[in-house]
Amino acid sequence: MSIHATDFSHHTPVTAKSFLTTVRMSLTARRQRAALAKLDDAALADIGLTRLQANIEAKRPLWDVPANWRS
C-alpha cells in the first residue's frame, strides 16, 4: 500500500492581496447583479437584455465572475 502525496507546486500561492482582490471582485459582481435584477423591463431592453437573461445573471454564484476580471 502506498500513500500518494498531492503535488501543489504548480499552484500559485494565495497571498493576502490576491485573496482580497478576489473578495472585492466577487462583492462587485454581487452588487452589479443585484442592481441588474432591480431594473425594469424597459431599462433591460435598453441594454439588450430580457428579464430572463437578467434573472439568470443575477442568480449566478458569488464566486462566478467574468474570466477577464481574473486576468
Protein backbone atom coordinates (compact mmCIF):
# COMPACT_ATOMS: atom_id res chain seq x y z
CA MET A 1 0.00 0.00 0.00
CA SER A 2 1.38 3.39 -0.91
CA ILE A 3 0.33 6.86 0.07
CA HIS A 4 0.31 9.42 -2.72
CA ALA A 5 1.10 12.99 -1.80
CA THR A 6 -0.55 15.67 -3.89
CA ASP A 7 1.91 17.98 -5.59
CA PHE A 8 0.69 21.56 -5.28
CA SER A 9 3.94 23.09 -6.55
CA HIS A 10 2.26 24.18 -9.80
CA HIS A 11 -0.34 26.24 -7.94
CA THR A 12 0.16 29.94 -7.41
CA PRO A 13 0.40 30.73 -3.70
CA VAL A 14 -2.51 32.69 -2.32
CA THR A 15 -1.39 35.99 -0.91
CA ALA A 16 -3.44 38.34 1.21
CA LYS A 17 -3.53 40.78 -1.70
CA SER A 18 -4.80 38.21 -4.20
CA PHE A 19 -7.37 36.94 -1.71
CA LEU A 20 -8.65 40.46 -1.06
CA THR A 21 -8.77 41.14 -4.81
CA THR A 22 -10.89 38.03 -5.30
CA VAL A 23 -13.24 39.03 -2.49
CA ARG A 24 -13.54 42.56 -3.90
CA MET A 25 -14.33 41.23 -7.40
CA SER A 26 -16.93 38.84 -6.01
CA LEU A 27 -18.65 41.57 -4.00
CA THR A 28 -18.60 43.89 -7.02
CA ALA A 29 -20.25 41.20 -9.14
CA ARG A 30 -22.88 40.63 -6.44
CA ARG A 31 -23.66 44.35 -6.24
CA GLN A 32 -23.90 44.68 -10.03
CA ARG A 33 -26.12 41.62 -10.31
CA ALA A 34 -28.44 42.93 -7.61
CA ALA A 35 -28.71 46.24 -9.48
CA LEU A 36 -29.40 44.38 -12.73
CA ALA A 37 -32.21 42.41 -11.07
CA LYS A 38 -33.87 45.66 -9.99
CA LEU A 39 -34.03 47.16 -13.49
CA ASP A 40 -37.44 47.36 -15.11
CA ASP A 41 -38.14 45.71 -18.47
CA ALA A 42 -37.70 48.98 -20.40
CA ALA A 43 -34.23 49.56 -18.90
CA LEU A 44 -33.28 45.95 -19.62
CA ALA A 45 -34.43 46.36 -23.22
CA ASP A 46 -32.25 49.47 -23.48
CA ILE A 47 -29.17 47.39 -22.67
CA GLY A 48 -30.28 44.47 -24.83
CA LEU A 49 -31.33 42.01 -22.14
CA THR A 50 -34.55 40.19 -21.42
CA ARG A 51 -35.96 39.69 -17.93
CA LEU A 52 -34.99 36.00 -18.17
CA GLN A 53 -31.37 36.85 -19.05
CA ALA A 54 -31.18 39.37 -16.22
CA ASN A 55 -32.58 36.84 -13.73
CA ILE A 56 -30.12 34.17 -14.86
CA GLU A 57 -27.22 36.60 -14.44
CA ALA A 58 -28.49 37.80 -11.06
CA LYS A 59 -28.66 34.23 -9.75
CA ARG A 60 -25.07 33.32 -10.64
CA PRO A 61 -22.95 32.34 -7.63
CA LEU A 62 -20.93 34.98 -5.82
CA TRP A 63 -17.60 33.48 -6.91
CA ASP A 64 -18.62 33.22 -10.59
CA VAL A 65 -17.03 36.36 -12.04
CA PRO A 66 -16.20 37.05 -15.68
CA ALA A 67 -12.96 35.45 -16.87
CA ASN A 68 -11.49 38.78 -17.98
CA TRP A 69 -11.73 40.02 -14.36
CA ARG A 70 -9.43 37.23 -13.22
CA SER A 71 -6.53 38.02 -15.57
